[in-house]
Every structure is written in structure tokens, then in C-alpha cells.
């Protein structure tokens, strides 16, 4: 998928665990893992807003577009 998710980068910058983020955002750790690992097909704006609020970041800090060629060349 050409949308890459960088939640793990922001977690590391904030020194926060997946469990803590999930708890503060109000989603299950399993659902956060699906999103974090790029397996989600969609994300609600309310969830994205909550992630940004807790991580004190912008949506662009969590999501980025990658060209299909780059994904294919990387084996994705």
C-alpha cells in the first residue's frame, strides 16, 4: 500500500509504549498494532485526531505517501 504509517517513530520520540498510547487514545492494543504495522485499510478521523493529540504531532507525522514503485522495489 502506498500509505506508510510512522506511529512507531512517534512512539520512540515520545518514549511511549504501544499499550500506553492505546489506553490514552481509547483503542485496543491489537487495533493500534494493526494500524501501526500498516495492515489497516482505513482510519477514522476521530482516531487520527486522538493519536495526534496524545502524541502532540500532525497527521503528516504519522502518515506519508510512498510511490508504488518504491514499495514494489522494497519488496512490499
N, C-alpha and C. Protein backbone atom coordinates (compact mmCIF):
# COMPACT_ATOMS: atom_id res chain seq x y z
N UNK A 1 0.85 -1.18 0.00
CA UNK A 1 0.00 0.00 0.00
C UNK A 1 0.90 1.24 0.00
N UNK A 2 0.55 2.24 -0.76
CA UNK A 2 1.42 3.42 -0.86
C UNK A 2 1.36 4.36 0.32
N UNK A 3 0.52 4.10 1.31
CA UNK A 3 0.49 4.92 2.53
C UNK A 3 1.28 4.20 3.61
N UNK A 4 2.33 4.86 4.08
CA UNK A 4 3.17 4.30 5.15
C UNK A 4 2.77 4.95 6.47
N UNK A 5 2.81 4.15 7.52
CA UNK A 5 2.41 4.61 8.86
C UNK A 5 3.65 4.68 9.74
N UNK A 6 3.89 5.83 10.35
CA UNK A 6 5.08 6.06 11.17
C UNK A 6 4.76 6.24 12.65
N UNK A 7 3.75 5.53 13.13
CA UNK A 7 3.40 5.64 14.55
C UNK A 7 4.56 5.20 15.42
N UNK A 8 5.28 4.16 14.99
CA UNK A 8 6.40 3.67 15.79
C UNK A 8 7.49 4.72 15.97
N UNK A 9 7.68 5.56 14.95
CA UNK A 9 8.67 6.65 15.05
C UNK A 9 8.25 7.64 16.13
N UNK A 10 6.96 8.01 16.12
CA UNK A 10 6.48 8.97 17.12
C UNK A 10 6.48 8.36 18.51
N UNK A 11 6.18 7.07 18.62
CA UNK A 11 6.23 6.40 19.92
C UNK A 11 7.65 6.46 20.49
N UNK A 12 8.63 6.20 19.64
CA UNK A 12 10.02 6.23 20.09
C UNK A 12 10.41 7.65 20.52
N UNK A 13 10.00 8.64 19.74
CA UNK A 13 10.33 10.04 20.08
C UNK A 13 9.69 10.46 21.41
N UNK A 14 8.50 9.94 21.67
CA UNK A 14 7.79 10.30 22.90
C UNK A 14 8.10 9.35 24.05
N UNK A 15 8.91 8.31 23.78
CA UNK A 15 9.25 7.30 24.79
C UNK A 15 7.97 6.72 25.42
N UNK A 16 7.06 6.31 24.54
CA UNK A 16 5.77 5.81 24.96
C UNK A 16 5.58 4.39 24.42
N UNK A 17 4.92 3.55 25.18
CA UNK A 17 4.65 2.18 24.74
C UNK A 17 3.36 2.12 23.92
N UNK A 18 3.23 1.05 23.16
CA UNK A 18 2.00 0.84 22.40
C UNK A 18 0.81 0.74 23.35
N UNK A 19 0.98 0.04 24.45
CA UNK A 19 -0.10 -0.11 25.42
C UNK A 19 -0.55 1.22 26.00
N UNK A 20 0.42 2.06 26.34
CA UNK A 20 0.07 3.38 26.90
C UNK A 20 -0.65 4.23 25.86
N UNK A 21 -0.15 4.22 24.62
CA UNK A 21 -0.80 5.01 23.57
C UNK A 21 -2.22 4.51 23.34
N UNK A 22 -2.39 3.21 23.24
CA UNK A 22 -3.73 2.64 23.02
C UNK A 22 -4.68 3.05 24.14
N UNK A 23 -4.21 2.98 25.37
CA UNK A 23 -5.03 3.35 26.52
C UNK A 23 -5.42 4.82 26.46
N UNK A 24 -4.46 5.68 26.15
CA UNK A 24 -4.74 7.12 26.13
C UNK A 24 -5.61 7.53 24.95
N UNK A 25 -5.52 6.79 23.83
CA UNK A 25 -6.32 7.10 22.65
C UNK A 25 -7.72 6.49 22.77
N UNK A 26 -7.81 5.36 23.50
CA UNK A 26 -9.11 4.72 23.68
C UNK A 26 -9.38 3.63 22.65
N UNK A 27 -8.32 2.98 22.16
CA UNK A 27 -8.48 1.83 21.27
C UNK A 27 -7.72 0.65 21.85
N UNK A 28 -7.99 -0.53 21.35
CA UNK A 28 -7.31 -1.71 21.87
C UNK A 28 -5.88 -1.76 21.36
N UNK A 29 -4.98 -2.35 22.12
CA UNK A 29 -3.60 -2.51 21.64
C UNK A 29 -3.56 -3.30 20.33
N UNK A 30 -4.46 -4.26 20.16
CA UNK A 30 -4.49 -5.05 18.91
C UNK A 30 -4.85 -4.16 17.72
N UNK A 31 -5.84 -3.28 17.89
CA UNK A 31 -6.21 -2.38 16.79
C UNK A 31 -5.11 -1.37 16.51
N UNK A 32 -4.44 -0.90 17.54
CA UNK A 32 -3.33 0.01 17.33
C UNK A 32 -2.20 -0.69 16.59
N UNK A 33 -1.94 -1.96 16.92
CA UNK A 33 -0.89 -2.72 16.24
C UNK A 33 -1.22 -2.88 14.76
N UNK A 34 -2.48 -3.14 14.43
CA UNK A 34 -2.89 -3.25 13.03
C UNK A 34 -2.60 -1.95 12.30
N UNK A 35 -2.93 -0.84 12.91
CA UNK A 35 -2.67 0.47 12.30
C UNK A 35 -1.17 0.74 12.21
N UNK A 36 -0.47 0.49 13.30
CA UNK A 36 0.97 0.77 13.37
C UNK A 36 1.77 -0.05 12.35
N UNK A 37 1.34 -1.27 12.12
CA UNK A 37 2.07 -2.15 11.20
C UNK A 37 1.62 -2.01 9.75
N UNK A 38 0.76 -1.03 9.47
CA UNK A 38 0.36 -0.76 8.10
C UNK A 38 -0.63 -1.75 7.52
N UNK A 39 -1.32 -2.51 8.36
CA UNK A 39 -2.29 -3.50 7.88
C UNK A 39 -3.72 -2.97 7.87
N UNK A 40 -3.93 -1.76 8.37
CA UNK A 40 -5.29 -1.19 8.41
C UNK A 40 -5.69 -0.72 7.02
N UNK A 41 -6.95 -0.90 6.70
CA UNK A 41 -7.50 -0.44 5.42
C UNK A 41 -8.04 0.98 5.52
N UNK A 42 -8.30 1.43 6.75
CA UNK A 42 -8.86 2.76 6.97
C UNK A 42 -8.56 3.19 8.40
N UNK A 43 -8.66 4.49 8.63
CA UNK A 43 -8.54 5.03 9.98
C UNK A 43 -9.58 6.14 10.12
N UNK A 44 -10.29 6.11 11.21
CA UNK A 44 -11.29 7.17 11.46
C UNK A 44 -10.56 8.48 11.78
N UNK A 45 -11.14 9.57 11.32
CA UNK A 45 -10.55 10.88 11.62
C UNK A 45 -10.51 11.11 13.12
N UNK A 46 -11.51 10.62 13.85
CA UNK A 46 -11.52 10.79 15.31
C UNK A 46 -10.33 10.07 15.93
N UNK A 47 -9.99 8.88 15.42
CA UNK A 47 -8.84 8.14 15.92
C UNK A 47 -7.55 8.85 15.55
N UNK A 48 -7.46 9.33 14.32
CA UNK A 48 -6.28 10.07 13.89
C UNK A 48 -6.10 11.34 14.73
N UNK A 49 -7.18 12.04 15.00
CA UNK A 49 -7.12 13.24 15.83
C UNK A 49 -6.66 12.90 17.25
N UNK A 50 -7.16 11.80 17.80
CA UNK A 50 -6.76 11.40 19.15
C UNK A 50 -5.29 11.01 19.18
N UNK A 51 -4.81 10.31 18.16
CA UNK A 51 -3.39 9.96 18.08
C UNK A 51 -2.54 11.23 18.04
N UNK A 52 -2.95 12.19 17.23
CA UNK A 52 -2.20 13.44 17.12
C UNK A 52 -2.21 14.22 18.44
N UNK A 53 -3.34 14.22 19.12
CA UNK A 53 -3.43 14.92 20.40
C UNK A 53 -2.50 14.29 21.43
N UNK A 54 -2.55 12.97 21.55
CA UNK A 54 -1.74 12.28 22.55
C UNK A 54 -0.25 12.37 22.22
N UNK A 55 0.08 12.22 20.93
CA UNK A 55 1.49 12.25 20.52
C UNK A 55 2.01 13.66 20.25
N UNK A 56 1.10 14.64 20.34
CA UNK A 56 1.45 16.05 20.10
C UNK A 56 2.16 16.20 18.75
N UNK A 57 1.44 15.78 17.69
CA UNK A 57 2.01 15.84 16.36
C UNK A 57 0.92 16.16 15.34
N UNK A 58 1.30 16.24 14.09
CA UNK A 58 0.39 16.48 12.98
C UNK A 58 0.11 15.16 12.26
N UNK A 59 -1.02 15.04 11.54
CA UNK A 59 -1.29 13.81 10.80
C UNK A 59 -0.15 13.41 9.86
N UNK A 60 0.51 14.39 9.26
CA UNK A 60 1.64 14.11 8.37
C UNK A 60 2.84 13.51 9.07
N UNK A 61 2.89 13.62 10.39
CA UNK A 61 3.96 12.97 11.15
C UNK A 61 3.69 11.48 11.29
N UNK A 62 2.44 11.07 11.11
CA UNK A 62 2.05 9.68 11.29
C UNK A 62 1.83 8.94 9.98
N UNK A 63 1.43 9.67 8.93
CA UNK A 63 1.11 9.06 7.65
C UNK A 63 1.89 9.74 6.54
N UNK A 64 2.39 8.94 5.60
CA UNK A 64 3.06 9.51 4.43
C UNK A 64 2.80 8.63 3.22
N UNK A 65 2.83 9.25 2.06
CA UNK A 65 2.59 8.56 0.81
C UNK A 65 3.92 8.12 0.22
N UNK A 66 3.96 6.89 -0.27
CA UNK A 66 5.13 6.38 -0.97
C UNK A 66 4.69 5.93 -2.36
N UNK A 67 5.48 6.24 -3.37
CA UNK A 67 5.15 5.81 -4.73
C UNK A 67 5.12 4.29 -4.79
N UNK A 68 4.23 3.75 -5.59
CA UNK A 68 4.09 2.29 -5.73
C UNK A 68 5.41 1.64 -6.15
N UNK A 69 6.17 2.30 -7.02
CA UNK A 69 7.44 1.73 -7.48
C UNK A 69 8.40 1.52 -6.31
N UNK A 70 8.43 2.48 -5.40
CA UNK A 70 9.31 2.37 -4.23
C UNK A 70 8.87 1.21 -3.35
N UNK A 71 7.56 1.02 -3.21
CA UNK A 71 7.05 -0.09 -2.39
C UNK A 71 7.38 -1.41 -3.06
N UNK A 72 7.18 -1.51 -4.38
CA UNK A 72 7.47 -2.74 -5.11
C UNK A 72 8.95 -3.07 -5.07
N UNK A 73 9.81 -2.06 -5.22
CA UNK A 73 11.26 -2.29 -5.22
C UNK A 73 11.75 -2.74 -3.84
N UNK A 74 11.06 -2.32 -2.81
CA UNK A 74 11.46 -2.69 -1.45
C UNK A 74 10.90 -4.06 -1.06
N UNK A 75 10.18 -4.68 -1.95
CA UNK A 75 9.63 -6.00 -1.64
C UNK A 75 8.30 -5.95 -0.93
N UNK A 76 7.65 -4.78 -0.95
CA UNK A 76 6.39 -4.62 -0.24
C UNK A 76 5.28 -4.97 -1.09
